Amino acid sequence: MLWEGVAYGGWWGIMATMGSENLEITAYLKTFCGWSEGVRAIMRKYDLSFEEKDIIKNPAFRWEMEQKSGQPLSPCVVVNGEMLADVSGEEVEAFLIEKGLVEASEESPDAPIDSSCSPEQHEKQAQAEREAKGEPGKIVFLD
């Protein structure tokens, strides 16, 4: 394993360029979202530990994400201090491989890593947002 000094946000650390034991990953995700699930699928595929910050359940995490990324779109993933803003799972995987943080795997992820939300996910997301705001649910009138 190759070891090298790497700067993280103003301090120096030592990390292994291969192996996930030295990765620090924070993912700003939505509860129900195709893009967010794609990021989760990559974390599962490579068995990576990460801190998930649900920007719907906790609006403070959305604010934090926007401050750190400089934009409002999710998902955003921070890997060892480097912000990947508005990314898909496919882009996260490519970044990890390119940086030598994981070895490419032919194993298929357990969810799509490059697609938006399905209509069902959109409805679940809208419901979660209403609940987070304390708003009542959707009323449906039947004939």
N, C-alpha and C. Protein backbone atom coordinates (compact mmCIF):
# COMPACT_ATOMS: atom_id res chain seq x y z
N MET A 1 0.84 -1.17 0.00
CA MET A 1 0.00 0.00 0.00
C MET A 1 0.89 1.24 0.00
N LEU A 2 0.57 2.18 -0.87
CA LEU A 2 1.33 3.41 -0.98
C LEU A 2 0.78 4.44 0.00
N TRP A 3 1.68 5.06 0.79
CA TRP A 3 1.27 6.08 1.76
C TRP A 3 1.82 7.42 1.31
N GLU A 4 1.04 8.46 1.50
CA GLU A 4 1.52 9.79 1.13
C GLU A 4 0.86 10.82 2.03
N GLY A 5 1.51 11.98 2.14
CA GLY A 5 0.93 13.09 2.90
C GLY A 5 -0.11 13.80 2.05
N VAL A 6 -1.25 14.09 2.64
CA VAL A 6 -2.33 14.75 1.92
C VAL A 6 -2.88 15.86 2.79
N ALA A 7 -3.12 17.03 2.22
CA ALA A 7 -3.68 18.15 2.98
C ALA A 7 -5.20 18.05 2.98
N TYR A 8 -5.82 18.18 4.14
CA TYR A 8 -7.27 18.21 4.30
C TYR A 8 -7.63 19.49 5.00
N GLY A 9 -8.22 20.43 4.31
CA GLY A 9 -8.76 21.63 4.94
C GLY A 9 -7.79 22.32 5.89
N GLY A 10 -6.52 22.42 5.56
CA GLY A 10 -5.59 23.17 6.37
C GLY A 10 -4.73 22.33 7.31
N TRP A 11 -4.99 21.04 7.45
CA TRP A 11 -4.11 20.22 8.29
C TRP A 11 -3.56 19.08 7.44
N TRP A 12 -2.42 18.56 7.87
CA TRP A 12 -1.79 17.47 7.14
C TRP A 12 -2.11 16.15 7.79
N GLY A 13 -2.41 15.19 6.97
CA GLY A 13 -2.69 13.85 7.49
C GLY A 13 -1.99 12.84 6.62
N ILE A 14 -1.99 11.63 7.04
CA ILE A 14 -1.43 10.54 6.26
C ILE A 14 -2.59 9.63 5.91
N MET A 15 -2.67 9.29 4.64
CA MET A 15 -3.74 8.39 4.22
C MET A 15 -3.19 7.34 3.28
N ALA A 16 -3.88 6.25 3.21
CA ALA A 16 -3.53 5.22 2.24
C ALA A 16 -4.25 5.55 0.95
N THR A 17 -3.58 5.45 -0.18
CA THR A 17 -4.23 5.75 -1.43
C THR A 17 -5.10 4.59 -1.90
N MET A 18 -4.96 3.43 -1.31
CA MET A 18 -5.86 2.33 -1.61
C MET A 18 -6.42 1.83 -0.29
N GLY A 19 -7.70 1.53 -0.28
CA GLY A 19 -8.32 1.02 0.93
C GLY A 19 -9.24 2.06 1.53
N SER A 20 -10.41 1.62 1.97
CA SER A 20 -11.43 2.55 2.43
C SER A 20 -11.32 2.89 3.91
N GLU A 21 -10.39 2.25 4.63
CA GLU A 21 -10.33 2.48 6.07
C GLU A 21 -9.94 3.91 6.43
N ASN A 22 -9.34 4.64 5.51
CA ASN A 22 -8.91 6.00 5.79
C ASN A 22 -9.73 7.04 5.05
N LEU A 23 -10.88 6.65 4.55
CA LEU A 23 -11.75 7.60 3.87
C LEU A 23 -12.68 8.26 4.87
N GLU A 24 -12.83 9.56 4.73
CA GLU A 24 -13.82 10.30 5.51
C GLU A 24 -14.84 10.84 4.51
N ILE A 25 -16.05 10.28 4.57
CA ILE A 25 -17.08 10.62 3.59
C ILE A 25 -18.33 11.13 4.30
N THR A 26 -18.81 12.26 3.85
CA THR A 26 -20.09 12.80 4.31
C THR A 26 -20.94 13.00 3.07
N ALA A 27 -22.17 12.48 3.10
CA ALA A 27 -23.08 12.60 1.97
C ALA A 27 -24.33 13.37 2.38
N TYR A 28 -24.61 14.43 1.65
CA TYR A 28 -25.83 15.23 1.86
C TYR A 28 -26.85 14.69 0.86
N LEU A 29 -27.85 13.97 1.40
CA LEU A 29 -28.79 13.25 0.56
C LEU A 29 -30.23 13.57 0.93
N LYS A 30 -31.13 13.25 0.01
CA LYS A 30 -32.57 13.35 0.27
C LYS A 30 -33.07 11.97 0.68
N THR A 31 -34.11 11.97 1.49
CA THR A 31 -34.68 10.72 2.00
C THR A 31 -35.07 9.79 0.86
N PHE A 32 -35.87 10.29 -0.07
CA PHE A 32 -36.35 9.51 -1.20
C PHE A 32 -35.96 10.24 -2.48
N CYS A 33 -34.91 9.79 -3.14
CA CYS A 33 -34.44 10.45 -4.35
C CYS A 33 -33.60 9.46 -5.14
N GLY A 34 -33.85 9.38 -6.44
CA GLY A 34 -33.08 8.47 -7.28
C GLY A 34 -31.59 8.77 -7.27
N TRP A 35 -31.25 10.06 -7.38
CA TRP A 35 -29.83 10.43 -7.37
C TRP A 35 -29.18 10.09 -6.04
N SER A 36 -29.89 10.38 -4.93
CA SER A 36 -29.35 10.07 -3.60
C SER A 36 -29.20 8.57 -3.41
N GLU A 37 -30.18 7.80 -3.89
CA GLU A 37 -30.08 6.35 -3.76
C GLU A 37 -28.92 5.81 -4.58
N GLY A 38 -28.61 6.46 -5.70
CA GLY A 38 -27.44 6.06 -6.49
C GLY A 38 -26.14 6.23 -5.72
N VAL A 39 -26.05 7.33 -4.95
CA VAL A 39 -24.86 7.54 -4.11
C VAL A 39 -24.80 6.46 -3.03
N ARG A 40 -25.93 6.19 -2.38
CA ARG A 40 -25.96 5.12 -1.36
C ARG A 40 -25.54 3.78 -1.96
N ALA A 41 -26.00 3.50 -3.20
CA ALA A 41 -25.67 2.22 -3.85
C ALA A 41 -24.16 2.07 -4.04
N ILE A 42 -23.47 3.16 -4.37
CA ILE A 42 -22.01 3.10 -4.52
C ILE A 42 -21.35 2.85 -3.16
N MET A 43 -21.86 3.47 -2.12
CA MET A 43 -21.31 3.25 -0.78
C MET A 43 -21.48 1.79 -0.38
N ARG A 44 -22.65 1.21 -0.71
CA ARG A 44 -22.87 -0.22 -0.40
C ARG A 44 -21.98 -1.11 -1.27
N LYS A 45 -21.87 -0.77 -2.56
CA LYS A 45 -21.08 -1.58 -3.50
C LYS A 45 -19.64 -1.74 -3.02
N TYR A 46 -19.07 -0.66 -2.51
CA TYR A 46 -17.67 -0.69 -2.07
C TYR A 46 -17.54 -0.83 -0.55
N ASP A 47 -18.68 -1.08 0.11
CA ASP A 47 -18.70 -1.27 1.56
C ASP A 47 -17.99 -0.11 2.28
N LEU A 48 -18.37 1.11 1.90
CA LEU A 48 -17.75 2.31 2.46
C LEU A 48 -18.59 2.86 3.60
N SER A 49 -17.93 3.17 4.69
CA SER A 49 -18.60 3.85 5.79
C SER A 49 -18.71 5.32 5.43
N PHE A 50 -19.87 5.91 5.75
CA PHE A 50 -20.04 7.33 5.47
C PHE A 50 -21.09 7.90 6.41
N GLU A 51 -21.01 9.20 6.60
CA GLU A 51 -22.01 9.89 7.40
C GLU A 51 -23.05 10.44 6.45
N GLU A 52 -24.30 10.02 6.65
CA GLU A 52 -25.39 10.53 5.83
C GLU A 52 -26.07 11.67 6.54
N LYS A 53 -26.23 12.80 5.84
CA LYS A 53 -26.94 13.95 6.38
C LYS A 53 -28.16 14.16 5.50
N ASP A 54 -29.33 13.80 6.03
CA ASP A 54 -30.58 13.90 5.30
C ASP A 54 -31.04 15.34 5.29
N ILE A 55 -31.00 15.97 4.11
CA ILE A 55 -31.31 17.39 4.01
C ILE A 55 -32.81 17.68 4.04
N ILE A 56 -33.63 16.64 3.99
CA ILE A 56 -35.08 16.82 4.11
C ILE A 56 -35.49 16.72 5.57
N LYS A 57 -35.01 15.69 6.25
CA LYS A 57 -35.38 15.50 7.65
C LYS A 57 -34.77 16.56 8.56
N ASN A 58 -33.63 17.11 8.15
CA ASN A 58 -32.97 18.13 8.98
C ASN A 58 -32.56 19.31 8.08
N PRO A 59 -33.39 20.37 8.05
CA PRO A 59 -33.09 21.53 7.20
C PRO A 59 -31.74 22.18 7.50
N ALA A 60 -31.21 22.00 8.70
CA ALA A 60 -29.89 22.55 9.02
C ALA A 60 -28.82 21.89 8.15
N PHE A 61 -29.03 20.62 7.80
CA PHE A 61 -28.07 19.95 6.91
C PHE A 61 -28.14 20.53 5.50
N ARG A 62 -29.34 20.93 5.04
CA ARG A 62 -29.45 21.57 3.72
C ARG A 62 -28.66 22.88 3.72
N TRP A 63 -28.84 23.67 4.78
CA TRP A 63 -28.11 24.93 4.90
C TRP A 63 -26.60 24.67 4.89
N GLU A 64 -26.17 23.68 5.67
CA GLU A 64 -24.75 23.32 5.73
C GLU A 64 -24.23 22.92 4.36
N MET A 65 -25.00 22.10 3.65
CA MET A 65 -24.61 21.66 2.30
C MET A 65 -24.46 22.85 1.37
N GLU A 66 -25.44 23.76 1.41
CA GLU A 66 -25.40 24.92 0.52
C GLU A 66 -24.20 25.83 0.84
N GLN A 67 -23.89 25.96 2.13
CA GLN A 67 -22.73 26.79 2.51
C GLN A 67 -21.43 26.15 2.04
N LYS A 68 -21.32 24.84 2.18
CA LYS A 68 -20.08 24.16 1.81
C LYS A 68 -19.91 23.99 0.30
N SER A 69 -21.04 23.80 -0.41
CA SER A 69 -20.94 23.55 -1.85
C SER A 69 -21.12 24.80 -2.69
N GLY A 70 -21.71 25.84 -2.11
CA GLY A 70 -21.94 27.07 -2.85
C GLY A 70 -23.09 26.99 -3.82
N GLN A 71 -23.94 25.98 -3.67
CA GLN A 71 -25.09 25.81 -4.56
C GLN A 71 -26.15 24.96 -3.86
N PRO A 72 -27.42 24.94 -4.36
CA PRO A 72 -28.50 24.27 -3.64
C PRO A 72 -28.85 22.85 -4.07
N LEU A 73 -28.16 22.30 -5.06
CA LEU A 73 -28.56 21.01 -5.60
C LEU A 73 -27.90 19.85 -4.87
N SER A 74 -28.66 18.75 -4.76
CA SER A 74 -28.14 17.55 -4.12
C SER A 74 -28.25 16.39 -5.10
N PRO A 75 -27.54 15.31 -4.83
CA PRO A 75 -26.68 15.06 -3.68
C PRO A 75 -25.33 15.77 -3.79
N CYS A 76 -24.74 15.98 -2.62
CA CYS A 76 -23.38 16.47 -2.51
C CYS A 76 -22.63 15.51 -1.61
N VAL A 77 -21.41 15.21 -1.96
CA VAL A 77 -20.61 14.26 -1.21
C VAL A 77 -19.24 14.89 -0.94
N VAL A 78 -18.81 14.84 0.31
CA VAL A 78 -17.49 15.34 0.69
C VAL A 78 -16.61 14.12 0.97
N VAL A 79 -15.52 14.00 0.21
CA VAL A 79 -14.58 12.88 0.37
C VAL A 79 -13.24 13.46 0.81
N ASN A 80 -12.85 13.15 2.03
CA ASN A 80 -11.59 13.63 2.58
C ASN A 80 -11.43 15.14 2.37
N GLY A 81 -12.51 15.86 2.60
CA GLY A 81 -12.48 17.32 2.51
C GLY A 81 -12.74 17.90 1.14
N GLU A 82 -12.87 17.07 0.11
CA GLU A 82 -13.12 17.56 -1.25
C GLU A 82 -14.60 17.43 -1.58
N MET A 83 -15.24 18.57 -1.91
CA MET A 83 -16.67 18.62 -2.19
C MET A 83 -16.96 18.20 -3.63
N LEU A 84 -17.87 17.25 -3.75
CA LEU A 84 -18.41 16.85 -5.05
C LEU A 84 -19.86 17.32 -5.04
N ALA A 85 -20.15 18.41 -5.73
CA ALA A 85 -21.48 19.02 -5.68
C ALA A 85 -22.37 18.51 -6.79
N ASP A 86 -23.65 18.27 -6.45
CA ASP A 86 -24.67 17.88 -7.42
C ASP A 86 -24.18 16.70 -8.27
N VAL A 87 -23.90 15.57 -7.60
CA VAL A 87 -23.32 14.42 -8.29
C VAL A 87 -24.24 13.21 -8.30
N SER A 88 -23.98 12.33 -9.23
CA SER A 88 -24.66 11.04 -9.29
C SER A 88 -23.77 10.00 -8.63
N GLY A 89 -24.33 8.84 -8.38
CA GLY A 89 -23.52 7.74 -7.87
C GLY A 89 -22.42 7.36 -8.85
N GLU A 90 -22.74 7.44 -10.13
CA GLU A 90 -21.76 7.13 -11.18
C GLU A 90 -20.56 8.07 -11.09
N GLU A 91 -20.82 9.35 -10.85
CA GLU A 91 -19.74 10.34 -10.74
C GLU A 91 -18.93 10.14 -9.46
N VAL A 92 -19.59 9.75 -8.37
CA VAL A 92 -18.87 9.48 -7.13
C VAL A 92 -17.95 8.29 -7.32
N GLU A 93 -18.45 7.24 -7.94
CA GLU A 93 -17.63 6.06 -8.19
C GLU A 93 -16.42 6.42 -9.06
N ALA A 94 -16.63 7.17 -10.12
CA ALA A 94 -15.53 7.57 -11.01
C ALA A 94 -14.49 8.38 -10.24
N PHE A 95 -14.92 9.28 -9.37
CA PHE A 95 -14.00 10.09 -8.56
C PHE A 95 -13.17 9.19 -7.65
N LEU A 96 -13.82 8.27 -6.95
CA LEU A 96 -13.12 7.39 -6.02
C LEU A 96 -12.07 6.54 -6.73
N ILE A 97 -12.42 6.05 -7.91
CA ILE A 97 -11.49 5.23 -8.69
C ILE A 97 -10.34 6.09 -9.22
N GLU A 98 -10.67 7.24 -9.78
CA GLU A 98 -9.66 8.13 -10.35
C GLU A 98 -8.63 8.55 -9.30
N LYS A 99 -9.09 8.80 -8.08
CA LYS A 99 -8.20 9.24 -7.00
C LYS A 99 -7.48 8.06 -6.34
N GLY A 100 -7.79 6.85 -6.77
CA GLY A 100 -7.15 5.67 -6.21
C GLY A 100 -7.64 5.33 -4.81
N LEU A 101 -8.85 5.76 -4.49
CA LEU A 101 -9.40 5.52 -3.15
C LEU A 101 -10.12 4.19 -3.05
N VAL A 102 -10.56 3.66 -4.19
CA VAL A 102 -11.12 2.31 -4.27
C VAL A 102 -10.61 1.69 -5.57
N GLU A 103 -10.62 0.38 -5.62
CA GLU A 103 -10.28 -0.32 -6.85
C GLU A 103 -11.56 -0.57 -7.61
N ALA A 104 -11.53 -0.38 -8.92
CA ALA A 104 -12.71 -0.60 -9.74
C ALA A 104 -13.24 -2.01 -9.53
N SER A 105 -14.55 -2.12 -9.48
CA SER A 105 -15.21 -3.40 -9.29
C SER A 105 -16.22 -3.62 -10.40
N GLU A 106 -16.26 -4.81 -10.93
CA GLU A 106 -17.23 -5.15 -11.98
C GLU A 106 -18.58 -5.51 -11.38
N GLU A 107 -18.66 -5.62 -10.06
CA GLU A 107 -19.92 -5.92 -9.38
C GLU A 107 -20.94 -4.82 -9.70
N SER A 108 -22.16 -5.23 -9.99
CA SER A 108 -23.20 -4.24 -10.27
C SER A 108 -23.73 -3.67 -8.97
N PRO A 109 -24.00 -2.36 -8.95
CA PRO A 109 -24.61 -1.78 -7.76
C PRO A 109 -26.03 -2.31 -7.60
N ASP A 110 -26.57 -2.21 -6.38
CA ASP A 110 -27.91 -2.76 -6.11
C ASP A 110 -29.05 -1.79 -6.41
N ALA A 111 -28.73 -0.65 -7.01
CA ALA A 111 -29.73 0.33 -7.42
C ALA A 111 -29.14 1.14 -8.57
N PRO A 112 -29.98 1.76 -9.40
CA PRO A 112 -29.45 2.61 -10.47
C PRO A 112 -28.59 3.73 -9.89
N ILE A 113 -27.48 4.04 -10.56
CA ILE A 113 -26.56 5.06 -10.03
C ILE A 113 -26.53 6.31 -10.90
N ASP A 114 -27.37 6.35 -11.92
CA ASP A 114 -27.36 7.49 -12.84
C ASP A 114 -28.76 7.88 -13.30
N SER A 115 -29.71 7.87 -12.37
CA SER A 115 -31.07 8.21 -12.78
C SER A 115 -31.77 9.06 -11.72
N SER A 116 -32.73 9.81 -12.21
CA SER A 116 -33.50 10.67 -11.30
C SER A 116 -34.55 9.85 -10.57
N CYS A 117 -35.36 10.55 -9.84
CA CYS A 117 -36.40 9.91 -9.04
C CYS A 117 -37.52 9.36 -9.92
N SER A 118 -38.09 8.26 -9.48
CA SER A 118 -39.30 7.74 -10.11
C SER A 118 -40.48 8.56 -9.61
N PRO A 119 -41.64 8.49 -10.25
CA PRO A 119 -42.81 9.22 -9.74
C PRO A 119 -43.13 8.83 -8.29
N GLU A 120 -42.94 7.56 -7.95
CA GLU A 120 -43.20 7.11 -6.58
C GLU A 120 -42.23 7.77 -5.60
N GLN A 121 -40.96 7.88 -5.99
CA GLN A 121 -39.97 8.53 -5.13
C GLN A 121 -40.29 10.01 -4.98
N HIS A 122 -40.75 10.65 -6.07
CA HIS A 122 -41.14 12.06 -5.99
C HIS A 122 -42.27 12.25 -4.99
N GLU A 123 -43.25 11.37 -5.02
CA GLU A 123 -44.39 11.49 -4.08
C GLU A 123 -43.93 11.25 -2.65
N LYS A 124 -43.08 10.24 -2.43
CA LYS A 124 -42.55 10.00 -1.09
C LYS A 124 -41.74 11.19 -0.60
N GLN A 125 -40.95 11.80 -1.50
CA GLN A 125 -40.15 12.96 -1.14
C GLN A 125 -41.05 14.13 -0.78
N ALA A 126 -42.09 14.37 -1.58
CA ALA A 126 -43.01 15.46 -1.30
C ALA A 126 -43.70 15.25 0.04
N GLN A 127 -44.10 14.01 0.32
CA GLN A 127 -44.74 13.70 1.60
C GLN A 127 -43.77 13.93 2.76
N ALA A 128 -42.51 13.51 2.59
CA ALA A 128 -41.52 13.71 3.65
C ALA A 128 -41.29 15.19 3.90
N GLU A 129 -41.27 15.98 2.82
CA GLU A 129 -41.07 17.43 2.97
C GLU A 129 -42.26 18.06 3.69
N ARG A 130 -43.47 17.63 3.35
CA ARG A 130 -44.66 18.15 4.05
C ARG A 130 -44.63 17.81 5.53
N GLU A 131 -44.26 16.56 5.83
CA GLU A 131 -44.20 16.13 7.23
C GLU A 131 -43.12 16.89 7.99
N ALA A 132 -41.99 17.15 7.33
CA ALA A 132 -40.90 17.89 7.99
C ALA A 132 -41.34 19.31 8.32
N LYS A 133 -42.20 19.87 7.49
CA LYS A 133 -42.70 21.23 7.72
C LYS A 133 -43.94 21.25 8.61
N GLY A 134 -44.44 20.06 8.97
CA GLY A 134 -45.64 19.99 9.80
C GLY A 134 -46.91 20.25 9.02
N GLU A 135 -46.86 20.12 7.70
CA GLU A 135 -48.03 20.35 6.86
C GLU A 135 -48.85 19.07 6.78
N PRO A 136 -50.16 19.22 6.61
CA PRO A 136 -51.00 18.04 6.46
C PRO A 136 -50.71 17.32 5.15
N GLY A 137 -51.11 16.08 5.07
CA GLY A 137 -50.88 15.29 3.87
C GLY A 137 -51.84 15.65 2.76
N LYS A 138 -51.74 14.97 1.67
CA LYS A 138 -52.52 15.21 0.47
C LYS A 138 -53.94 14.66 0.68
N ILE A 139 -54.94 15.44 0.30
CA ILE A 139 -56.34 15.01 0.39
C ILE A 139 -56.79 14.63 -1.01
N VAL A 140 -57.40 13.46 -1.14
CA VAL A 140 -57.89 12.99 -2.42
C VAL A 140 -59.39 12.83 -2.31
N PHE A 141 -60.13 13.45 -3.23
CA PHE A 141 -61.59 13.34 -3.27
C PHE A 141 -61.96 12.31 -4.31
N LEU A 142 -62.80 11.38 -3.93
CA LEU A 142 -63.26 10.33 -4.84
C LEU A 142 -64.68 10.62 -5.24
N ASP A 143 -65.04 10.29 -6.48
CA ASP A 143 -66.41 10.49 -6.95
C ASP A 143 -67.27 9.32 -6.54
